[in-house]
Amino acid sequence: MSSARAELMTEITNRIRRTNQRGAEMANAAARVIGVNSTDMACIQMLQYEPLTAGELARRTGLTTASVTTVIDRLEAAGFVARTRDPADRRRVVVAFQPEKAGPSIAGVFLPLLRSWRDLMTDYDERDLRIIAEFLGRVEDALDDEIHKLRER
């Protein structure tokens, strides 16, 4: 491997690490603005992608099930989430993000950043965007693998 390639790979690795850190800082700042704590914000962010059971939310956050129940109660009272029956298994209860209620306050915080990212993407052609999307997907998969390994320890 050439030294230029090695240096570029180190730079990309460092940028990914800094981006992860900045994402955590953004989430903490957003939590303050919308009036929740950082744990609540982490749960909101997870639930925006898919409904989860309280047990799965506890596993992903590392919180006890009792603590997660308290978080869910708070978020439900604030209108961010709702407990619903799992459509795939009516015996299970899942916690679902409520975009119609919570979306406006969260969008008000994150929409400017999302617009900024979209503006940045206009600098790249479709081929470049596909490469970036594939790379980021692989980074996400690597993170998932490492998270799984750490949880198994």
C-alpha atoms as a PDB file:
ATOM      1  CA  MET A   1       0.000   0.000   0.000  1.00  0.00           C
ATOM      2  CA  SER A   2       1.349   3.408  -0.916  1.00  0.00           C
ATOM      3  CA  SER A   3       1.991   5.937   1.825  1.00  0.00           C
ATOM      4  CA  ALA A   4      -0.455   8.361   0.156  1.00  0.00           C
ATOM      5  CA  ARG A   5      -3.194   5.697   0.284  1.00  0.00           C
ATOM      6  CA  ALA A   6      -2.377   4.874   3.919  1.00  0.00           C
ATOM      7  CA  GLU A   7      -2.520   8.566   4.840  1.00  0.00           C
ATOM      8  CA  LEU A   8      -5.867   8.960   3.078  1.00  0.00           C
ATOM      9  CA  MET A   9      -7.269   5.911   4.874  1.00  0.00           C
ATOM     10  CA  THR A  10      -6.098   7.341   8.209  1.00  0.00           C
ATOM     11  CA  GLU A  11      -7.719  10.672   7.381  1.00  0.00           C
ATOM     12  CA  ILE A  12     -11.021   8.981   6.480  1.00  0.00           C
ATOM     13  CA  THR A  13     -10.915   6.900   9.677  1.00  0.00           C
ATOM     14  CA  ASN A  14     -10.317  10.018  11.770  1.00  0.00           C
ATOM     15  CA  ARG A  15     -13.116  11.874   9.978  1.00  0.00           C
ATOM     16  CA  ILE A  16     -15.556   9.035  10.666  1.00  0.00           C
ATOM     17  CA  ARG A  17     -14.591   9.074  14.338  1.00  0.00           C
ATOM     18  CA  ARG A  18     -15.007  12.861  14.529  1.00  0.00           C
ATOM     19  CA  THR A  19     -18.327  12.648  12.693  1.00  0.00           C
ATOM     20  CA  ASN A  20     -19.567  10.097  15.240  1.00  0.00           C
ATOM     21  CA  GLN A  21     -18.493  12.411  18.058  1.00  0.00           C
ATOM     22  CA  ARG A  22     -20.136  15.434  16.423  1.00  0.00           C
ATOM     23  CA  GLY A  23     -23.319  13.387  15.986  1.00  0.00           C
ATOM     24  CA  ALA A  24     -23.369  12.709  19.723  1.00  0.00           C
ATOM     25  CA  GLU A  25     -22.792  16.421  20.415  1.00  0.00           C
ATOM     26  CA  MET A  26     -25.610  17.326  18.009  1.00  0.00           C
ATOM     27  CA  ALA A  27     -27.970  14.889  19.730  1.00  0.00           C
ATOM     28  CA  ASN A  28     -27.144  16.375  23.142  1.00  0.00           C
ATOM     29  CA  ALA A  29     -27.685  19.932  21.879  1.00  0.00           C
ATOM     30  CA  ALA A  30     -30.957  18.894  20.216  1.00  0.00           C
ATOM     31  CA  ALA A  31     -32.113  17.192  23.419  1.00  0.00           C
ATOM     32  CA  ARG A  32     -31.603  20.417  25.340  1.00  0.00           C
ATOM     33  CA  VAL A  33     -33.561  22.433  22.750  1.00  0.00           C
ATOM     34  CA  ILE A  34     -36.557  20.074  22.663  1.00  0.00           C
ATOM     35  CA  GLY A  35     -36.537  19.662  26.438  1.00  0.00           C
ATOM     36  CA  VAL A  36     -35.459  16.069  26.995  1.00  0.00           C
ATOM     37  CA  ASN A  37     -32.350  14.510  28.483  1.00  0.00           C
ATOM     38  CA  SER A  38     -29.681  12.757  26.427  1.00  0.00           C
ATOM     39  CA  THR A  39     -30.966   9.271  27.279  1.00  0.00           C
ATOM     40  CA  ASP A  40     -34.467  10.207  26.135  1.00  0.00           C
ATOM     41  CA  MET A  41     -33.001  11.666  22.944  1.00  0.00           C
ATOM     42  CA  ALA A  42     -31.054   8.474  22.230  1.00  0.00           C
ATOM     43  CA  CYS A  43     -34.294   6.495  22.556  1.00  0.00           C
ATOM     44  CA  ILE A  44     -36.184   8.930  20.314  1.00  0.00           C
ATOM     45  CA  GLN A  45     -33.492   8.582  17.658  1.00  0.00           C
ATOM     46  CA  MET A  46     -33.664   4.776  17.767  1.00  0.00           C
ATOM     47  CA  LEU A  47     -37.453   4.784  17.586  1.00  0.00           C
ATOM     48  CA  GLN A  48     -37.530   7.121  14.584  1.00  0.00           C
ATOM     49  CA  TYR A  49     -36.288   4.232  12.430  1.00  0.00           C
ATOM     50  CA  GLU A  50     -38.470   1.424  13.738  1.00  0.00           C
ATOM     51  CA  PRO A  51     -40.806   0.529  16.606  1.00  0.00           C
ATOM     52  CA  LEU A  52     -39.081  -1.480  19.336  1.00  0.00           C
ATOM     53  CA  THR A  53     -40.165  -3.418  22.382  1.00  0.00           C
ATOM     54  CA  ALA A  54     -39.124  -2.050  25.755  1.00  0.00           C
ATOM     55  CA  GLY A  55     -36.772  -5.023  26.093  1.00  0.00           C
ATOM     56  CA  GLU A  56     -35.087  -4.296  22.758  1.00  0.00           C
ATOM     57  CA  LEU A  57     -34.769  -0.619  23.652  1.00  0.00           C
ATOM     58  CA  ALA A  58     -33.161  -1.647  26.962  1.00  0.00           C
ATOM     59  CA  ARG A  59     -30.743  -3.970  25.149  1.00  0.00           C
ATOM     60  CA  ARG A  60     -29.738  -1.300  22.633  1.00  0.00           C
ATOM     61  CA  THR A  61     -29.282   1.455  25.211  1.00  0.00           C
ATOM     62  CA  GLY A  62     -27.748  -0.665  27.950  1.00  0.00           C
ATOM     63  CA  LEU A  63     -30.393   0.546  30.401  1.00  0.00           C
ATOM     64  CA  THR A  64     -32.337  -1.709  32.737  1.00  0.00           C
ATOM     65  CA  THR A  65     -35.892  -2.542  31.723  1.00  0.00           C
ATOM     66  CA  ALA A  66     -37.128  -0.518  34.714  1.00  0.00           C
ATOM     67  CA  SER A  67     -35.167   2.527  33.535  1.00  0.00           C
ATOM     68  CA  VAL A  68     -36.449   2.101  29.987  1.00  0.00           C
ATOM     69  CA  THR A  69     -40.016   1.930  31.283  1.00  0.00           C
ATOM     70  CA  THR A  70     -39.454   5.281  33.011  1.00  0.00           C
ATOM     71  CA  VAL A  71     -38.007   6.754  29.799  1.00  0.00           C
ATOM     72  CA  ILE A  72     -40.954   5.451  27.761  1.00  0.00           C
ATOM     73  CA  ASP A  73     -43.425   6.867  30.296  1.00  0.00           C
ATOM     74  CA  ARG A  74     -41.763  10.295  30.030  1.00  0.00           C
ATOM     75  CA  LEU A  75     -41.617  10.239  26.233  1.00  0.00           C
ATOM     76  CA  GLU A  76     -45.207   9.038  25.974  1.00  0.00           C
ATOM     77  CA  ALA A  77     -46.427  11.787  28.318  1.00  0.00           C
ATOM     78  CA  ALA A  78     -44.603  14.350  26.152  1.00  0.00           C
ATOM     79  CA  GLY A  79     -46.174  12.932  22.967  1.00  0.00           C
ATOM     80  CA  PHE A  80     -42.934  11.697  21.396  1.00  0.00           C
ATOM     81  CA  VAL A  81     -43.856   7.992  21.436  1.00  0.00           C
ATOM     82  CA  ALA A  82     -46.835   5.693  21.929  1.00  0.00           C
ATOM     83  CA  ARG A  83     -47.148   2.112  23.060  1.00  0.00           C
ATOM     84  CA  THR A  84     -48.963   0.041  20.439  1.00  0.00           C
ATOM     85  CA  ARG A  85     -49.605  -3.604  19.660  1.00  0.00           C
ATOM     86  CA  ASP A  86     -47.053  -5.141  17.334  1.00  0.00           C
ATOM     87  CA  PRO A  87     -48.888  -5.661  14.017  1.00  0.00           C
ATOM     88  CA  ALA A  88     -46.842  -8.832  13.401  1.00  0.00           C
ATOM     89  CA  ASP A  89     -47.591 -10.303  16.850  1.00  0.00           C
ATOM     90  CA  ARG A  90     -50.556  -8.762  18.673  1.00  0.00           C
ATOM     91  CA  ARG A  91     -49.349 -10.238  21.988  1.00  0.00           C
ATOM     92  CA  ARG A  92     -46.319  -7.919  21.962  1.00  0.00           C
ATOM     93  CA  VAL A  93     -46.296  -4.227  22.752  1.00  0.00           C
ATOM     94  CA  VAL A  94     -43.914  -1.993  20.836  1.00  0.00           C
ATOM     95  CA  VAL A  95     -42.970   1.611  21.360  1.00  0.00           C
ATOM     96  CA  ALA A  96     -43.408   3.709  18.220  1.00  0.00           C
ATOM     97  CA  PHE A  97     -42.244   7.218  17.395  1.00  0.00           C
ATOM     98  CA  GLN A  98     -45.137   9.635  16.842  1.00  0.00           C
ATOM     99  CA  PRO A  99     -44.065  11.855  13.920  1.00  0.00           C
ATOM    100  CA  GLU A 100     -47.343  13.755  13.755  1.00  0.00           C
ATOM    101  CA  LYS A 101     -46.928  14.891  17.368  1.00  0.00           C
ATOM    102  CA  ALA A 102     -43.172  14.880  17.905  1.00  0.00           C
ATOM    103  CA  GLY A 103     -41.999  15.456  14.367  1.00  0.00           C
ATOM    104  CA  PRO A 104     -42.388  19.241  14.234  1.00  0.00           C
ATOM    105  CA  SER A 105     -40.222  19.921  17.294  1.00  0.00           C
ATOM    106  CA  ILE A 106     -37.578  17.420  16.233  1.00  0.00           C
ATOM    107  CA  ALA A 107     -37.673  18.543  12.596  1.00  0.00           C
ATOM    108  CA  GLY A 108     -37.166  22.118  13.720  1.00  0.00           C
ATOM    109  CA  VAL A 109     -33.877  21.078  15.276  1.00  0.00           C
ATOM    110  CA  PHE A 110     -32.582  18.632  12.667  1.00  0.00           C
ATOM    111  CA  LEU A 111     -34.017  19.994   9.397  1.00  0.00           C
ATOM    112  CA  PRO A 112     -31.338  22.668   8.930  1.00  0.00           C
ATOM    113  CA  LEU A 113     -28.625  20.008   9.223  1.00  0.00           C
ATOM    114  CA  LEU A 114     -30.418  17.691   6.799  1.00  0.00           C
ATOM    115  CA  ARG A 115     -30.755  20.545   4.316  1.00  0.00           C
ATOM    116  CA  SER A 116     -27.059  21.304   4.691  1.00  0.00           C
ATOM    117  CA  TRP A 117     -26.190  17.673   3.930  1.00  0.00           C
ATOM    118  CA  ARG A 118     -28.431  17.711   0.860  1.00  0.00           C
ATOM    119  CA  ASP A 119     -26.755  20.897  -0.345  1.00  0.00           C
ATOM    120  CA  LEU A 120     -23.353  19.227   0.075  1.00  0.00           C
ATOM    121  CA  MET A 121     -24.536  16.261  -1.984  1.00  0.00           C
ATOM    122  CA  THR A 122     -25.229  18.487  -4.983  1.00  0.00           C
ATOM    123  CA  ASP A 123     -21.449  18.789  -5.416  1.00  0.00           C
ATOM    124  CA  TYR A 124     -21.265  15.097  -6.381  1.00  0.00           C
ATOM    125  CA  ASP A 125     -22.508  13.233  -9.431  1.00  0.00           C
ATOM    126  CA  GLU A 126     -24.723  10.156  -9.174  1.00  0.00           C
ATOM    127  CA  ARG A 127     -21.774   7.743  -9.424  1.00  0.00           C
ATOM    128  CA  ASP A 128     -19.978   9.481  -6.542  1.00  0.00           C
ATOM    129  CA  LEU A 129     -23.154   9.468  -4.456  1.00  0.00           C
ATOM    130  CA  ARG A 130     -23.568   5.725  -5.017  1.00  0.00           C
ATOM    131  CA  ILE A 131     -19.978   5.150  -3.848  1.00  0.00           C
ATOM    132  CA  ILE A 132     -20.538   7.346  -0.786  1.00  0.00           C
ATOM    133  CA  ALA A 133     -23.832   5.583   0.017  1.00  0.00           C
ATOM    134  CA  GLU A 134     -22.230   2.152  -0.328  1.00  0.00           C
ATOM    135  CA  PHE A 135     -19.277   3.151   1.841  1.00  0.00           C
ATOM    136  CA  LEU A 136     -21.500   4.616   4.557  1.00  0.00           C
ATOM    137  CA  GLY A 137     -23.647   1.465   4.484  1.00  0.00           C
ATOM    138  CA  ARG A 138     -20.543  -0.644   5.002  1.00  0.00           C
ATOM    139  CA  VAL A 139     -19.408   1.627   7.851  1.00  0.00           C
ATOM    140  CA  GLU A 140     -22.847   1.177   9.441  1.00  0.00           C
ATOM    141  CA  ASP A 141     -22.600  -2.617   9.037  1.00  0.00           C
ATOM    142  CA  ALA A 142     -19.141  -2.616  10.646  1.00  0.00           C
ATOM    143  CA  LEU A 143     -20.515  -0.602  13.573  1.00  0.00           C
ATOM    144  CA  ASP A 144     -23.417  -3.046  13.948  1.00  0.00           C
ATOM    145  CA  ASP A 145     -20.979  -5.983  13.982  1.00  0.00           C
ATOM    146  CA  GLU A 146     -18.784  -4.387  16.646  1.00  0.00           C
ATOM    147  CA  ILE A 147     -21.782  -3.377  18.775  1.00  0.00           C
ATOM    148  CA  HIS A 148     -23.009  -6.976  18.621  1.00  0.00           C
ATOM    149  CA  LYS A 149     -19.578  -8.296  19.673  1.00  0.00           C
ATOM    150  CA  LEU A 150     -19.386  -5.866  22.590  1.00  0.00           C
ATOM    151  CA  ARG A 151     -22.872  -6.803  23.775  1.00  0.00           C
ATOM    152  CA  GLU A 152     -21.886 -10.467  23.757  1.00  0.00           C
ATOM    153  CA  ARG A 153     -18.939  -9.858  26.131  1.00  0.00           C
END
